[in-house]
């Protein structure tokens, strides 16, 4: 084996005790190792791509859920405002009605608490 042959096949040459020796390595085995390495890299690349796709899908779903919850929150806040306004108006109406209400001024034994009498007296 010439010096040129050794340098071109450096993966098959070892320097042992200052002397260059050929290592018994089958070229086929190197090809198999390279093939397995490439196959493993491809498999890893596909797995990483799949993982990134899953992560993106999950982020999209979370974003969509967040949007829906924000919309629901806005709807509920609007409903709370509406109900608060309705409560304010009812309290205002009740406050205006109380001084004129005959039921509020009746004694518990009085006949004014009978349903027929209440309808006739409470017209406000």
Protein backbone atom coordinates (compact mmCIF):
# COMPACT_ATOMS: atom_id res chain seq x y z
CA UNK A 1 0.00 0.00 0.00
CA UNK A 2 1.49 3.32 -1.01
CA UNK A 3 1.54 6.52 1.03
CA UNK A 4 -1.07 8.00 -1.33
CA UNK A 5 -3.34 5.00 -0.77
CA UNK A 6 -3.01 5.41 3.00
CA UNK A 7 -3.89 9.09 2.98
CA UNK A 8 -6.94 8.57 0.79
CA UNK A 9 -8.18 5.83 3.10
CA UNK A 10 -7.41 7.57 6.39
CA UNK A 11 -10.42 6.05 8.09
CA UNK A 12 -8.83 2.64 7.61
CA UNK A 13 -5.31 3.58 8.80
CA UNK A 14 -3.93 3.72 12.34
CA UNK A 15 -0.58 4.97 13.59
CA UNK A 16 0.68 2.33 16.03
CA UNK A 17 4.09 2.88 17.64
CA UNK A 18 5.19 5.23 14.91
CA UNK A 19 4.31 2.75 12.21
CA UNK A 20 1.32 3.06 9.96
CA UNK A 21 -0.86 -0.04 9.88
CA UNK A 22 -4.08 -0.89 8.14
CA UNK A 23 -7.06 -1.57 10.38
CA UNK A 24 -9.22 -4.49 9.37
CA UNK A 25 -12.42 -2.61 8.75
CA UNK A 26 -14.76 -3.76 6.11
CA UNK A 27 -15.77 -0.98 3.75
CA UNK A 28 -19.24 -2.52 3.66
CA UNK A 29 -19.61 -2.13 7.42
CA UNK A 30 -18.73 1.55 7.12
CA UNK A 31 -21.44 1.91 4.50
CA UNK A 32 -23.93 0.11 6.74
CA UNK A 33 -23.02 2.38 9.66
CA UNK A 34 -23.40 5.41 7.42
CA UNK A 35 -26.74 4.09 6.17
CA UNK A 36 -27.99 3.51 9.72
CA UNK A 37 -26.77 6.95 10.74
CA UNK A 38 -28.56 8.58 7.81
CA UNK A 39 -31.71 6.58 8.50
CA UNK A 40 -31.58 7.58 12.19
CA UNK A 41 -31.06 11.25 11.25
CA UNK A 42 -34.01 11.13 8.83
CA UNK A 43 -36.19 9.46 11.46
CA UNK A 44 -35.15 12.11 14.00
CA UNK A 45 -35.85 14.90 11.49
CA UNK A 46 -39.35 13.52 10.83
CA UNK A 47 -40.01 13.15 14.58
CA UNK A 48 -38.85 16.73 15.24
CA UNK A 49 -41.04 18.01 12.41
CA UNK A 50 -44.02 16.06 13.78
CA UNK A 51 -43.35 17.42 17.28
CA UNK A 52 -43.19 21.02 16.00
CA UNK A 53 -46.44 20.47 14.09
CA UNK A 54 -48.15 19.11 17.24
CA UNK A 55 -46.83 22.04 19.27
CA UNK A 56 -48.10 24.53 16.69
CA UNK A 57 -51.52 22.83 16.59
CA UNK A 58 -51.74 22.91 20.39
CA UNK A 59 -50.79 26.60 20.44
CA UNK A 60 -53.45 27.31 17.81
CA UNK A 61 -56.09 25.46 19.85
CA UNK A 62 -55.12 27.35 23.02
CA UNK A 63 -55.28 30.65 21.14
CA UNK A 64 -58.73 29.75 19.79
CA UNK A 65 -59.93 28.76 23.28
CA UNK A 66 -58.57 32.03 24.66
CA UNK A 67 -60.47 34.01 22.01
CA UNK A 68 -63.70 32.17 22.86
CA UNK A 69 -63.23 32.76 26.59
CA UNK A 70 -62.54 36.45 26.04
CA UNK A 71 -65.73 36.74 23.96
CA UNK A 72 -67.69 34.88 26.67
CA UNK A 73 -66.21 37.21 29.29
CA UNK A 74 -67.29 40.29 27.29
CA UNK A 75 -70.80 38.83 26.93
CA UNK A 76 -71.04 38.13 30.66
CA UNK A 77 -69.77 41.61 31.57
CA UNK A 78 -72.43 43.13 29.31
CA UNK A 79 -75.06 40.97 31.01
CA UNK A 80 -73.80 42.00 34.46
CA UNK A 81 -74.01 45.68 33.45
CA UNK A 82 -77.55 45.17 32.13
CA UNK A 83 -78.67 43.33 35.28
CA UNK A 84 -77.07 45.97 37.50
CA UNK A 85 -78.98 48.68 35.65
CA UNK A 86 -82.21 46.67 35.96
CA UNK A 87 -81.58 46.23 39.70
CA UNK A 88 -80.95 49.96 40.09
CA UNK A 89 -84.23 50.78 38.32
CA UNK A 90 -86.19 48.24 40.41
CA UNK A 91 -84.73 49.57 43.66
CA UNK A 92 -85.57 53.08 42.53
CA UNK A 93 -89.16 52.04 41.70
CA UNK A 94 -89.51 50.22 45.02
CA UNK A 95 -88.18 53.21 46.92
CA UNK A 96 -90.68 55.49 45.17
CA UNK A 97 -93.51 53.01 45.82
CA UNK A 98 -92.87 52.30 49.53
CA UNK A 99 -94.32 55.54 50.97
CA UNK A 100 -97.60 54.99 49.11
CA UNK A 101 -97.87 51.22 49.60
CA UNK A 102 -100.84 50.25 51.82
CA UNK A 103 -99.36 46.80 52.44
CA UNK A 104 -96.32 48.29 54.12
CA UNK A 105 -98.58 50.23 56.49
CA UNK A 106 -101.07 47.44 57.38
CA UNK A 107 -100.95 45.48 60.60
CA UNK A 108 -100.53 41.71 60.35
CA UNK A 109 -104.10 41.06 61.58
CA UNK A 110 -105.70 43.53 59.23
CA UNK A 111 -107.85 42.50 56.28
CA UNK A 112 -105.78 44.64 53.94
CA UNK A 113 -103.38 41.70 53.49
CA UNK A 114 -106.01 39.59 51.75
CA UNK A 115 -105.24 39.09 48.02
CA UNK A 116 -108.47 40.79 46.88
CA UNK A 117 -107.83 43.85 49.02
CA UNK A 118 -104.13 44.12 48.01
CA UNK A 119 -104.94 44.28 44.31
CA UNK A 120 -107.49 47.02 44.89
CA UNK A 121 -105.22 49.10 47.13
CA UNK A 122 -101.87 48.67 45.34
CA UNK A 123 -102.34 50.30 42.00
CA UNK A 124 -98.96 52.04 41.88
